[in-house]
Amino acid sequence: MTVGKDESPDPSKLEPLVSEIRRKLRRMSHRYDHIVSYLNVKSYWTALDEVRNEFDVKMLPKVYAENEIWNSKKLHMGPIGIFKTEIGDLVSEVRRYANGTPL
């Protein structure tokens, strides 16, 4: 459970959240060929980024992955807008895996 570790971006909660994510991914990662995350919450992104290489997690949307920009003014859109407008990243990634296209 991540309850109590993620309700606000409190730096003291980051390590417990990372530990919990790592524990869950260890338990379930062997069941999947690919793991894709689609996040628009910086604290979740930061926590998952800590273990992404360990579990080979593809992190989306690309606007955050490539630029690491989380400033709504610079992006001209808030997190919910990004989440909705960048859904094509997730659709493309799932299609690629479903079609067996190499990474």
Protein backbone atom coordinates (compact mmCIF):
# COMPACT_ATOMS: atom_id res chain seq x y z
CA MET A 1 0.00 0.00 0.00
CA THR A 2 1.19 3.46 -0.81
CA VAL A 3 -1.51 5.14 1.28
CA GLY A 4 0.06 7.68 3.59
CA LYS A 5 3.20 7.87 1.47
CA ASP A 6 1.92 9.84 -1.51
CA GLU A 7 -0.84 12.31 -0.71
CA SER A 8 1.45 15.32 -1.05
CA PRO A 9 4.95 15.89 -2.43
CA ASP A 10 6.69 15.62 0.91
CA PRO A 11 10.37 14.70 0.36
CA SER A 12 10.38 12.63 3.56
CA LYS A 13 7.79 10.32 1.97
CA LEU A 14 9.80 9.69 -1.20
CA GLU A 15 11.98 6.86 0.11
CA PRO A 16 9.08 4.88 1.63
CA LEU A 17 7.20 5.32 -1.67
CA VAL A 18 10.23 4.12 -3.68
CA SER A 19 10.57 1.11 -1.38
CA GLU A 20 6.91 0.24 -1.77
CA ILE A 21 7.05 0.57 -5.57
CA ARG A 22 10.18 -1.59 -5.69
CA ARG A 23 8.52 -4.23 -3.51
CA LYS A 24 5.41 -4.33 -5.72
CA LEU A 25 7.41 -4.43 -8.95
CA ARG A 26 9.59 -7.28 -7.64
CA ARG A 27 6.44 -9.23 -6.92
CA MET A 28 4.78 -8.65 -10.28
CA SER A 29 7.47 -7.82 -12.87
CA HIS A 30 8.21 -11.46 -13.73
CA ARG A 31 4.65 -11.79 -15.05
CA TYR A 32 5.12 -9.18 -17.79
CA ASP A 33 7.28 -8.75 -20.87
CA HIS A 34 7.06 -4.94 -20.64
CA ILE A 35 6.17 -2.40 -17.99
CA VAL A 36 4.90 1.01 -19.06
CA SER A 37 4.01 3.85 -16.74
CA TYR A 38 1.90 6.83 -17.69
CA LEU A 39 2.15 9.39 -14.93
CA ASN A 40 1.37 13.06 -14.51
CA VAL A 41 2.19 13.37 -10.81
CA LYS A 42 5.76 14.47 -10.18
CA SER A 43 6.15 12.66 -6.86
CA TYR A 44 5.10 9.35 -8.45
CA TRP A 45 7.34 10.01 -11.46
CA THR A 46 10.31 10.79 -9.20
CA ALA A 47 9.73 7.65 -7.13
CA LEU A 48 9.34 5.36 -10.14
CA ASP A 49 12.36 6.95 -11.81
CA GLU A 50 14.44 5.59 -8.91
CA VAL A 51 13.66 1.99 -9.93
CA ARG A 52 12.96 2.32 -13.67
CA ASN A 53 16.27 0.79 -14.78
CA GLU A 54 16.00 -2.06 -12.29
CA PHE A 55 12.67 -3.13 -13.83
CA ASP A 56 13.11 -1.70 -17.35
CA VAL A 57 10.08 0.58 -17.05
CA LYS A 58 9.15 2.77 -20.01
CA MET A 59 8.04 6.10 -18.57
CA LEU A 60 5.50 8.26 -20.37
CA PRO A 61 4.32 10.80 -21.40
CA LYS A 62 7.39 11.74 -23.41
CA VAL A 63 6.98 15.44 -22.67
CA TYR A 64 8.11 14.69 -19.11
CA ALA A 65 10.57 11.91 -19.97
CA GLU A 66 12.47 13.86 -22.61
CA ASN A 67 12.41 17.32 -21.10
CA GLU A 68 11.89 16.66 -17.40
CA ILE A 69 9.75 19.80 -17.38
CA TRP A 70 7.01 19.95 -14.81
CA ASN A 71 6.29 23.65 -14.96
CA SER A 72 2.74 24.19 -16.25
CA LYS A 73 3.60 27.71 -17.43
CA LYS A 74 6.47 26.43 -19.60
CA LEU A 75 4.36 23.59 -20.98
CA HIS A 76 1.32 25.87 -21.44
CA MET A 77 -0.75 23.08 -19.90
CA GLY A 78 -1.33 21.58 -16.47
CA PRO A 79 -0.84 17.93 -15.50
CA ILE A 80 -4.42 16.92 -16.32
CA GLY A 81 -4.17 18.54 -19.75
CA ILE A 82 -0.88 16.75 -20.43
CA PHE A 83 -2.41 13.49 -19.23
CA LYS A 84 -5.29 13.84 -21.69
CA THR A 85 -3.49 15.29 -24.72
CA GLU A 86 -0.42 13.04 -24.61
CA ILE A 87 -2.40 9.80 -24.41
CA GLY A 88 -1.16 9.05 -27.93
CA ASP A 89 2.24 8.22 -26.39
CA LEU A 90 0.65 5.45 -24.36
CA VAL A 91 -1.47 4.18 -27.24
CA SER A 92 1.58 4.04 -29.54
CA GLU A 93 3.66 2.22 -26.94
CA VAL A 94 0.97 -0.39 -26.28
CA ARG A 95 0.44 -0.91 -30.01
CA ARG A 96 4.17 -1.35 -30.52
CA TYR A 97 4.38 -4.02 -27.83
CA ALA A 98 1.20 -5.71 -29.03
CA ASN A 99 2.57 -5.88 -32.58
CA GLY A 100 5.89 -7.26 -31.38
CA THR A 101 7.89 -4.33 -32.72
CA PRO A 102 11.40 -4.37 -31.26
CA LEU A 103 12.38 -1.55 -28.93
